[in-house]
Amino acid sequence: MATGPRRPMFHLGVLVAGFVLGGFLNALVKAVMPDSVAKQVFTYTTSPSLGPVSLDLLVLSFTLGPFAVNVSPLAIIGVIIAYLIARSLF
């Protein structure tokens, strides 16, 4: 039987920590590796975005966005590392 926290905020925290770790890995690889095909593969980034979203309530109106997430292979590796660390701690 699987043990550990099953709260949504725990999983969201692991995802956020993983994407931050992946961002650091991406910046490190861009700074350290020489120009090569491997550098292009690991640092390739796609940015899905949402927004801007406007809400008008007659008395109050506001706009949120745009919200974008940069996803790269190193970001996915960062999420996997964060998951493995969180699983071993909890």
PDB file of N, CA and C in Angstrom:
ATOM      1  N   MET A   1       0.839  -1.174   0.000  1.00  0.00           N
ATOM      2  CA  MET A   1       0.000   0.000   0.000  1.00  0.00           C
ATOM      3  C   MET A   1       0.885   1.237   0.000  1.00  0.00           C
ATOM      4  N   ALA A   2       0.546   2.204  -0.829  1.00  0.00           N
ATOM      5  CA  ALA A   2       1.324   3.425  -0.934  1.00  0.00           C
ATOM      6  C   ALA A   2       1.144   4.288   0.310  1.00  0.00           C
ATOM      7  N   THR A   3       2.252   4.841   0.781  1.00  0.00           N
ATOM      8  CA  THR A   3       2.192   5.717   1.936  1.00  0.00           C
ATOM      9  C   THR A   3       2.632   7.106   1.525  1.00  0.00           C
ATOM     10  N   GLY A   4       2.308   8.100   2.355  1.00  0.00           N
ATOM     11  CA  GLY A   4       2.740   9.461   2.090  1.00  0.00           C
ATOM     12  C   GLY A   4       1.552  10.372   1.918  1.00  0.00           C
ATOM     13  N   PRO A   5       1.836  11.667   1.872  1.00  0.00           N
ATOM     14  CA  PRO A   5       0.756  12.648   1.767  1.00  0.00           C
ATOM     15  C   PRO A   5       0.102  12.613   0.389  1.00  0.00           C
ATOM     16  N   ARG A   6      -1.191  12.765   0.371  1.00  0.00           N
ATOM     17  CA  ARG A   6      -1.945  12.781  -0.882  1.00  0.00           C
ATOM     18  C   ARG A   6      -2.673  14.110  -1.050  1.00  0.00           C
ATOM     19  N   ARG A   7      -2.144  15.155  -0.454  1.00  0.00           N
ATOM     20  CA  ARG A   7      -2.781  16.460  -0.523  1.00  0.00           C
ATOM     21  C   ARG A   7      -2.418  17.149  -1.830  1.00  0.00           C
ATOM     22  N   PRO A   8      -3.356  17.868  -2.428  1.00  0.00           N
ATOM     23  CA  PRO A   8      -3.066  18.570  -3.679  1.00  0.00           C
ATOM     24  C   PRO A   8      -1.967  19.621  -3.540  1.00  0.00           C
ATOM     25  N   MET A   9      -1.894  20.304  -2.402  1.00  0.00           N
ATOM     26  CA  MET A   9      -0.855  21.321  -2.230  1.00  0.00           C
ATOM     27  C   MET A   9       0.539  20.687  -2.172  1.00  0.00           C
ATOM     28  N   PHE A  10       0.635  19.484  -1.654  1.00  0.00           N
ATOM     29  CA  PHE A  10       1.922  18.777  -1.648  1.00  0.00           C
ATOM     30  C   PHE A  10       2.380  18.524  -3.080  1.00  0.00           C
ATOM     31  N   HIS A  11       1.473  18.035  -3.906  1.00  0.00           N
ATOM     32  CA  HIS A  11       1.824  17.745  -5.299  1.00  0.00           C
ATOM     33  C   HIS A  11       2.131  19.030  -6.065  1.00  0.00           C
ATOM     34  N   LEU A  12       1.384  20.082  -5.796  1.00  0.00           N
ATOM     35  CA  LEU A  12       1.656  21.368  -6.433  1.00  0.00           C
ATOM     36  C   LEU A  12       3.024  21.894  -6.007  1.00  0.00           C
ATOM     37  N   GLY A  13       3.349  21.748  -4.733  1.00  0.00           N
ATOM     38  CA  GLY A  13       4.660  22.180  -4.246  1.00  0.00           C
ATOM     39  C   GLY A  13       5.796  21.410  -4.890  1.00  0.00           C
ATOM     40  N   VAL A  14       5.607  20.102  -5.068  1.00  0.00           N
ATOM     41  CA  VAL A  14       6.629  19.287  -5.737  1.00  0.00           C
ATOM     42  C   VAL A  14       6.799  19.734  -7.182  1.00  0.00           C
ATOM     43  N   LEU A  15       5.688  20.023  -7.874  1.00  0.00           N
ATOM     44  CA  LEU A  15       5.783  20.500  -9.259  1.00  0.00           C
ATOM     45  C   LEU A  15       6.508  21.834  -9.340  1.00  0.00           C
ATOM     46  N   VAL A  16       6.161  22.761  -8.458  1.00  0.00           N
ATOM     47  CA  VAL A  16       6.807  24.082  -8.471  1.00  0.00           C
ATOM     48  C   VAL A  16       8.297  23.939  -8.171  1.00  0.00           C
ATOM     49  N   ALA A  17       8.636  23.154  -7.145  1.00  0.00           N
ATOM     50  CA  ALA A  17      10.047  22.947  -6.821  1.00  0.00           C
ATOM     51  C   ALA A  17      10.786  22.289  -7.981  1.00  0.00           C
ATOM     52  N   GLY A  18      10.133  21.362  -8.659  1.00  0.00           N
ATOM     53  CA  GLY A  18      10.753  20.697  -9.801  1.00  0.00           C
ATOM     54  C   GLY A  18      10.995  21.637 -10.962  1.00  0.00           C
ATOM     55  N   PHE A  19      10.027  22.504 -11.245  1.00  0.00           N
ATOM     56  CA  PHE A  19      10.226  23.457 -12.339  1.00  0.00           C
ATOM     57  C   PHE A  19      11.297  24.486 -11.995  1.00  0.00           C
ATOM     58  N   VAL A  20      11.385  24.889 -10.736  1.00  0.00           N
ATOM     59  CA  VAL A  20      12.451  25.814 -10.330  1.00  0.00           C
ATOM     60  C   VAL A  20      13.810  25.132 -10.464  1.00  0.00           C
ATOM     61  N   LEU A  21      13.911  23.899  -9.980  1.00  0.00           N
ATOM     62  CA  LEU A  21      15.154  23.142 -10.121  1.00  0.00           C
ATOM     63  C   LEU A  21      15.507  22.950 -11.593  1.00  0.00           C
ATOM     64  N   GLY A  22      14.527  22.645 -12.420  1.00  0.00           N
ATOM     65  CA  GLY A  22      14.764  22.499 -13.855  1.00  0.00           C
ATOM     66  C   GLY A  22      15.217  23.796 -14.499  1.00  0.00           C
ATOM     67  N   GLY A  23      14.675  24.911 -14.041  1.00  0.00           N
ATOM     68  CA  GLY A  23      15.117  26.210 -14.555  1.00  0.00           C
ATOM     69  C   GLY A  23      16.574  26.486 -14.217  1.00  0.00           C
ATOM     70  N   PHE A  24      16.968  26.138 -12.980  1.00  0.00           N
ATOM     71  CA  PHE A  24      18.372  26.292 -12.604  1.00  0.00           C
ATOM     72  C   PHE A  24      19.263  25.375 -13.435  1.00  0.00           C
ATOM     73  N   LEU A  25      18.832  24.143 -13.654  1.00  0.00           N
ATOM     74  CA  LEU A  25      19.604  23.223 -14.492  1.00  0.00           C
ATOM     75  C   LEU A  25      19.730  23.752 -15.917  1.00  0.00           C
ATOM     76  N   ASN A  26      18.638  24.306 -16.439  1.00  0.00           N
ATOM     77  CA  ASN A  26      18.644  24.858 -17.790  1.00  0.00           C
ATOM     78  C   ASN A  26      19.637  26.015 -17.896  1.00  0.00           C
ATOM     79  N   ALA A  27      19.625  26.922 -16.925  1.00  0.00           N
ATOM     80  CA  ALA A  27      20.562  28.049 -16.936  1.00  0.00           C
ATOM     81  C   ALA A  27      22.000  27.571 -16.798  1.00  0.00           C
ATOM     82  N   LEU A  28      22.218  26.552 -15.963  1.00  0.00           N
ATOM     83  CA  LEU A  28      23.567  26.010 -15.781  1.00  0.00           C
ATOM     84  C   LEU A  28      24.089  25.380 -17.068  1.00  0.00           C
ATOM     85  N   VAL A  29      23.252  24.600 -17.740  1.00  0.00           N
ATOM     86  CA  VAL A  29      23.667  23.954 -18.991  1.00  0.00           C
ATOM     87  C   VAL A  29      23.948  25.008 -20.069  1.00  0.00           C
ATOM     88  N   LYS A  30      23.114  26.048 -20.144  1.00  0.00           N
ATOM     89  CA  LYS A  30      23.355  27.115 -21.128  1.00  0.00           C
ATOM     90  C   LYS A  30      24.678  27.815 -20.875  1.00  0.00           C
ATOM     91  N   ALA A  31      25.055  27.973 -19.605  1.00  0.00           N
ATOM     92  CA  ALA A  31      26.287  28.681 -19.279  1.00  0.00           C
ATOM     93  C   ALA A  31      27.531  27.810 -19.421  1.00  0.00           C
ATOM     94  N   VAL A  32      27.425  26.515 -19.171  1.00  0.00           N
ATOM     95  CA  VAL A  32      28.606  25.657 -19.083  1.00  0.00           C
ATOM     96  C   VAL A  32      28.903  24.913 -20.376  1.00  0.00           C
ATOM     97  N   MET A  33      27.878  24.374 -21.027  1.00  0.00           N
ATOM     98  CA  MET A  33      28.121  23.530 -22.205  1.00  0.00           C
ATOM     99  C   MET A  33      28.521  24.358 -23.420  1.00  0.00           C
ATOM    100  N   PRO A  34      29.432  23.841 -24.218  1.00  0.00           N
ATOM    101  CA  PRO A  34      29.756  24.518 -25.483  1.00  0.00           C
ATOM    102  C   PRO A  34      28.609  24.327 -26.485  1.00  0.00           C
ATOM    103  N   ASP A  35      28.589  25.162 -27.515  1.00  0.00           N
ATOM    104  CA  ASP A  35      27.543  25.043 -28.538  1.00  0.00           C
ATOM    105  C   ASP A  35      27.626  23.679 -29.213  1.00  0.00           C
ATOM    106  N   SER A  36      26.534  22.929 -29.115  1.00  0.00           N
ATOM    107  CA  SER A  36      26.476  21.602 -29.713  1.00  0.00           C
ATOM    108  C   SER A  36      25.020  21.199 -29.848  1.00  0.00           C
ATOM    109  N   VAL A  37      24.811  20.065 -30.472  1.00  0.00           N
ATOM    110  CA  VAL A  37      23.456  19.542 -30.637  1.00  0.00           C
ATOM    111  C   VAL A  37      22.870  19.156 -29.280  1.00  0.00           C
ATOM    112  N   ALA A  38      23.696  18.607 -28.399  1.00  0.00           N
ATOM    113  CA  ALA A  38      23.213  18.215 -27.070  1.00  0.00           C
ATOM    114  C   ALA A  38      22.716  19.442 -26.298  1.00  0.00           C
ATOM    115  N   LYS A  39      23.428  20.555 -26.398  1.00  0.00           N
ATOM    116  CA  LYS A  39      22.994  21.781 -25.730  1.00  0.00           C
ATOM    117  C   LYS A  39      21.665  22.260 -26.292  1.00  0.00           C
ATOM    118  N   GLN A  40      21.491  22.175 -27.608  1.00  0.00           N
ATOM    119  CA  GLN A  40      20.227  22.584 -28.225  1.00  0.00           C
ATOM    120  C   GLN A  40      19.084  21.680 -27.789  1.00  0.00           C
ATOM    121  N   VAL A  41      19.322  20.379 -27.648  1.00  0.00           N
ATOM    122  CA  VAL A  41      18.276  19.442 -27.244  1.00  0.00           C
ATOM    123  C   VAL A  41      17.866  19.695 -25.792  1.00  0.00           C
ATOM    124  N   PHE A  42      18.842  19.822 -24.895  1.00  0.00           N
ATOM    125  CA  PHE A  42      18.528  19.983 -23.479  1.00  0.00           C
ATOM    126  C   PHE A  42      17.941  21.341 -23.148  1.00  0.00           C
ATOM    127  N   THR A  43      18.299  22.377 -23.915  1.00  0.00           N
ATOM    128  CA  THR A  43      17.818  23.719 -23.591  1.00  0.00           C
ATOM    129  C   THR A  43      16.659  24.171 -24.468  1.00  0.00           C
ATOM    130  N   TYR A  44      16.128  23.283 -25.301  1.00  0.00           N
ATOM    131  CA  TYR A  44      14.952  23.633 -26.102  1.00  0.00           C
ATOM    132  C   TYR A  44      13.786  23.905 -25.153  1.00  0.00           C
ATOM    133  N   THR A  45      13.114  25.031 -25.333  1.00  0.00           N
ATOM    134  CA  THR A  45      12.043  25.436 -24.432  1.00  0.00           C
ATOM    135  C   THR A  45      10.794  25.768 -25.216  1.00  0.00           C
ATOM    136  N   THR A  46       9.662  25.287 -24.721  1.00  0.00           N
ATOM    137  CA  THR A  46       8.371  25.682 -25.260  1.00  0.00           C
ATOM    138  C   THR A  46       7.612  26.409 -24.149  1.00  0.00           C
ATOM    139  N   SER A  47       6.815  27.394 -24.509  1.00  0.00           N
ATOM    140  CA  SER A  47       6.139  28.232 -23.522  1.00  0.00           C
ATOM    141  C   SER A  47       4.639  28.293 -23.784  1.00  0.00           C
ATOM    142  N   PRO A  48       3.874  27.323 -23.267  1.00  0.00           N
ATOM    143  CA  PRO A  48       2.425  27.460 -23.364  1.00  0.00           C
ATOM    144  C   PRO A  48       1.958  28.594 -22.458  1.00  0.00           C
ATOM    145  N   SER A  49       0.990  29.379 -22.935  1.00  0.00           N
ATOM    146  CA  SER A  49       0.552  30.523 -22.144  1.00  0.00           C
ATOM    147  C   SER A  49      -0.968  30.611 -22.117  1.00  0.00           C
ATOM    148  N   LEU A  50      -1.467  31.296 -21.116  1.00  0.00           N
ATOM    149  CA  LEU A  50      -2.885  31.512 -20.924  1.00  0.00           C
ATOM    150  C   LEU A  50      -3.081  32.980 -20.586  1.00  0.00           C
ATOM    151  N   GLY A  51      -3.997  33.610 -21.284  1.00  0.00           N
ATOM    152  CA  GLY A  51      -4.332  34.980 -20.897  1.00  0.00           C
ATOM    153  C   GLY A  51      -4.048  35.977 -21.981  1.00  0.00           C
ATOM    154  N   PRO A  52      -4.311  37.191 -21.732  1.00  0.00           N
ATOM    155  CA  PRO A  52      -4.869  37.741 -20.508  1.00  0.00           C
ATOM    156  C   PRO A  52      -6.369  37.437 -20.380  1.00  0.00           C
ATOM    157  N   VAL A  53      -6.811  37.281 -19.140  1.00  0.00           N
ATOM    158  CA  VAL A  53      -8.211  36.998 -18.839  1.00  0.00           C
ATOM    159  C   VAL A  53      -8.784  38.214 -18.124  1.00  0.00           C
ATOM    160  N   SER A  54      -9.846  38.787 -18.667  1.00  0.00           N
ATOM    161  CA  SER A  54     -10.463  39.966 -18.067  1.00  0.00           C
ATOM    162  C   SER A  54     -11.773  39.590 -17.399  1.00  0.00           C
ATOM    163  N   LEU A  55     -12.044  40.227 -16.265  1.00  0.00           N
ATOM    164  CA  LEU A  55     -13.281  40.011 -15.541  1.00  0.00           C
ATOM    165  C   LEU A  55     -13.859  41.369 -15.179  1.00  0.00           C
ATOM    166  N   ASP A  56     -15.093  41.642 -15.628  1.00  0.00           N
ATOM    167  CA  ASP A  56     -15.758  42.914 -15.368  1.00  0.00           C
ATOM    168  C   ASP A  56     -17.001  42.652 -14.526  1.00  0.00           C
ATOM    169  N   LEU A  57     -17.002  43.146 -13.293  1.00  0.00           N
ATOM    170  CA  LEU A  57     -18.100  42.928 -12.362  1.00  0.00           C
ATOM    171  C   LEU A  57     -18.927  44.197 -12.136  1.00  0.00           C
ATOM    172  N   LEU A  58     -18.916  45.109 -13.084  1.00  0.00           N
ATOM    173  CA  LEU A  58     -19.596  46.398 -13.051  1.00  0.00           C
ATOM    174  C   LEU A  58     -18.988  47.345 -12.023  1.00  0.00           C
ATOM    175  N   VAL A  59     -18.773  46.919 -10.823  1.00  0.00           N
ATOM    176  CA  VAL A  59     -18.171  47.770  -9.804  1.00  0.00           C
ATOM    177  C   VAL A  59     -16.653  47.620  -9.817  1.00  0.00           C
ATOM    178  N   LEU A  60     -16.199  46.444 -10.135  1.00  0.00           N
ATOM    179  CA  LEU A  60     -14.785  46.119 -10.105  1.00  0.00           C
ATOM    180  C   LEU A  60     -14.428  45.349 -11.374  1.00  0.00           C
ATOM    181  N   SER A  61     -13.341  45.730 -11.980  1.00  0.00           N
ATOM    182  CA  SER A  61     -12.874  44.967 -13.133  1.00  0.00           C
ATOM    183  C   SER A  61     -11.366  44.792 -13.007  1.00  0.00           C
ATOM    184  N   PHE A  62     -10.904  43.622 -13.406  1.00  0.00           N
ATOM    185  CA  PHE A  62      -9.467  43.370 -13.364  1.00  0.00           C
ATOM    186  C   PHE A  62      -9.084  42.391 -14.452  1.00  0.00           C
ATOM    187  N   THR A  63      -7.792  42.377 -14.747  1.00  0.00           N
ATOM    188  CA  THR A  63      -7.237  41.522 -15.789  1.00  0.00           C
ATOM    189  C   THR A  63      -6.096  40.705 -15.198  1.00  0.00           C
ATOM    190  N   LEU A  64      -6.119  39.416 -15.454  1.00  0.00           N
ATOM    191  CA  LEU A  64      -5.052  38.515 -15.032  1.00  0.00           C
ATOM    192  C   LEU A  64      -4.303  38.012 -16.251  1.00  0.00           C
ATOM    193  N   GLY A  65      -3.021  37.977 -16.166  1.00  0.00           N
ATOM    194  CA  GLY A  65      -2.260  37.348 -17.221  1.00  0.00           C
ATOM    195  C   GLY A  65      -1.365  38.296 -17.963  1.00  0.00           C
ATOM    196  N   PRO A  66      -0.714  37.830 -18.951  1.00  0.00           N
ATOM    197  CA  PRO A  66      -0.668  36.438 -19.385  1.00  0.00           C
ATOM    198  C   PRO A  66       0.173  35.587 -18.442  1.00  0.00           C
ATOM    199  N   PHE A  67      -0.185  34.335 -18.346  1.00  0.00           N
ATOM    200  CA  PHE A  67       0.496  33.358 -17.506  1.00  0.00           C
ATOM    201  C   PHE A  67       1.152  32.349 -18.429  1.00  0.00           C
ATOM    202  N   ALA A  68       2.464  32.176 -18.295  1.00  0.00           N
ATOM    203  CA  ALA A  68       3.194  31.253 -19.169  1.00  0.00           C
ATOM    204  C   ALA A  68       4.107  30.359 -18.338  1.00  0.00           C
ATOM    205  N   VAL A  69       4.314  29.157 -18.810  1.00  0.00           N
ATOM    206  CA  VAL A  69       5.220  28.197 -18.174  1.00  0.00           C
ATOM    207  C   VAL A  69       6.248  27.785 -19.220  1.00  0.00           C
ATOM    208  N   ASN A  70       7.514  27.909 -18.867  1.00  0.00           N
ATOM    209  CA  ASN A  70       8.582  27.465 -19.757  1.00  0.00           C
ATOM    210  C   ASN A  70       8.894  26.011 -19.457  1.00  0.00           C
ATOM    211  N   VAL A  71       8.680  25.146 -20.434  1.00  0.00           N
ATOM    212  CA  VAL A  71       8.899  23.718 -20.250  1.00  0.00           C
ATOM    213  C   VAL A  71      10.043  23.280 -21.155  1.00  0.00           C
ATOM    214  N   SER A  72      11.029  22.627 -20.550  1.00  0.00           N
ATOM    215  CA  SER A  72      12.170  22.101 -21.295  1.00  0.00           C
ATOM    216  C   SER A  72      12.455  20.689 -20.793  1.00  0.00           C
ATOM    217  N   PRO A  73      13.266  19.945 -21.509  1.00  0.00           N
ATOM    218  CA  PRO A  73      13.626  18.603 -21.012  1.00  0.00           C
ATOM    219  C   PRO A  73      14.264  18.645 -19.630  1.00  0.00           C
ATOM    220  N   LEU A  74      15.058  19.678 -19.354  1.00  0.00           N
ATOM    221  CA  LEU A  74      15.675  19.783 -18.038  1.00  0.00           C
ATOM    222  C   LEU A  74      14.642  20.131 -16.962  1.00  0.00           C
ATOM    223  N   ALA A  75      13.570  20.824 -17.327  1.00  0.00           N
ATOM    224  CA  ALA A  75      12.494  21.087 -16.367  1.00  0.00           C
ATOM    225  C   ALA A  75      11.792  19.790 -15.995  1.00  0.00           C
ATOM    226  N   ILE A  76      11.591  18.913 -16.964  1.00  0.00           N
ATOM    227  CA  ILE A  76      10.980  17.614 -16.685  1.00  0.00           C
ATOM    228  C   ILE A  76      11.903  16.782 -15.792  1.00  0.00           C
ATOM    229  N   ILE A  77      13.202  16.829 -16.053  1.00  0.00           N
ATOM    230  CA  ILE A  77      14.157  16.130 -15.196  1.00  0.00           C
ATOM    231  C   ILE A  77      14.126  16.717 -13.788  1.00  0.00           C
ATOM    232  N   GLY A  78      13.994  18.038 -13.677  1.00  0.00           N
ATOM    233  CA  GLY A  78      13.894  18.673 -12.368  1.00  0.00           C
ATOM    234  C   GLY A  78      12.662  18.227 -11.603  1.00  0.00           C
ATOM    235  N   VAL A  79      11.536  18.068 -12.287  1.00  0.00           N
ATOM    236  CA  VAL A  79      10.307  17.589 -11.644  1.00  0.00           C
ATOM    237  C   VAL A  79      10.508  16.156 -11.160  1.00  0.00           C
ATOM    238  N   ILE A  80      11.152  15.332 -11.960  1.00  0.00           N
ATOM    239  CA  ILE A  80      11.397  13.947 -11.552  1.00  0.00           C
ATOM    240  C   ILE A  80      12.312  13.895 -10.329  1.00  0.00           C
ATOM    241  N   ILE A  81      13.363  14.715 -10.312  1.00  0.00           N
ATOM    242  CA  ILE A  81      14.266  14.753  -9.157  1.00  0.00           C
ATOM    243  C   ILE A  81      13.529  15.230  -7.911  1.00  0.00           C
ATOM    244  N   ALA A  82      12.709  16.292  -8.054  1.00  0.00           N
ATOM    245  CA  ALA A  82      11.944  16.793  -6.905  1.00  0.00           C
ATOM    246  C   ALA A  82      10.975  15.734  -6.393  1.00  0.00           C
ATOM    247  N   TYR A  83      10.344  14.989  -7.288  1.00  0.00           N
ATOM    248  CA  TYR A  83       9.427  13.924  -6.884  1.00  0.00           C
ATOM    249  C   TYR A  83      10.163  12.832  -6.118  1.00  0.00           C
ATOM    250  N   LEU A  84      11.332  12.430  -6.622  1.00  0.00           N
ATOM    251  CA  LEU A  84      12.091  11.370  -5.951  1.00  0.00           C
ATOM    252  C   LEU A  84      12.566  11.823  -4.569  1.00  0.00           C
ATOM    253  N   ILE A  85      12.997  13.069  -4.451  1.00  0.00           N
ATOM    254  CA  ILE A  85      13.423  13.588  -3.150  1.00  0.00           C
ATOM    255  C   ILE A  85      12.244  13.659  -2.195  1.00  0.00           C
ATOM    256  N   ALA A  86      11.099  14.177  -2.673  1.00  0.00           N
ATOM    257  CA  ALA A  86       9.903  14.284  -1.817  1.00  0.00           C
ATOM    258  C   ALA A  86       9.411  12.905  -1.398  1.00  0.00           C
ATOM    259  N   ARG A  87       9.476  11.955  -2.298  1.00  0.00           N
ATOM    260  CA  ARG A  87       9.030  10.591  -1.967  1.00  0.00           C
ATOM    261  C   ARG A  87       9.934   9.955  -0.913  1.00  0.00           C
ATOM    262  N   SER A  88      11.244  10.232  -0.987  1.00  0.00           N
ATOM    263  CA  SER A  88      12.156   9.655  -0.004  1.00  0.00           C
ATOM    264  C   SER A  88      12.030  10.348   1.359  1.00  0.00           C
ATOM    265  N   LEU A  89      11.640  11.631   1.377  1.00  0.00           N
ATOM    266  CA  LEU A  89      11.489  12.345   2.639  1.00  0.00           C
ATOM    267  C   LEU A  89      10.178  12.050   3.337  1.00  0.00           C
ATOM    268  N   PHE A  90       9.119  11.861   2.571  1.00  0.00           N
ATOM    269  CA  PHE A  90       7.796  11.672   3.152  1.00  0.00           C
ATOM    270  C   PHE A  90       7.340  10.270   2.893  1.00  0.00           C
TER     271      PHE A  90
END
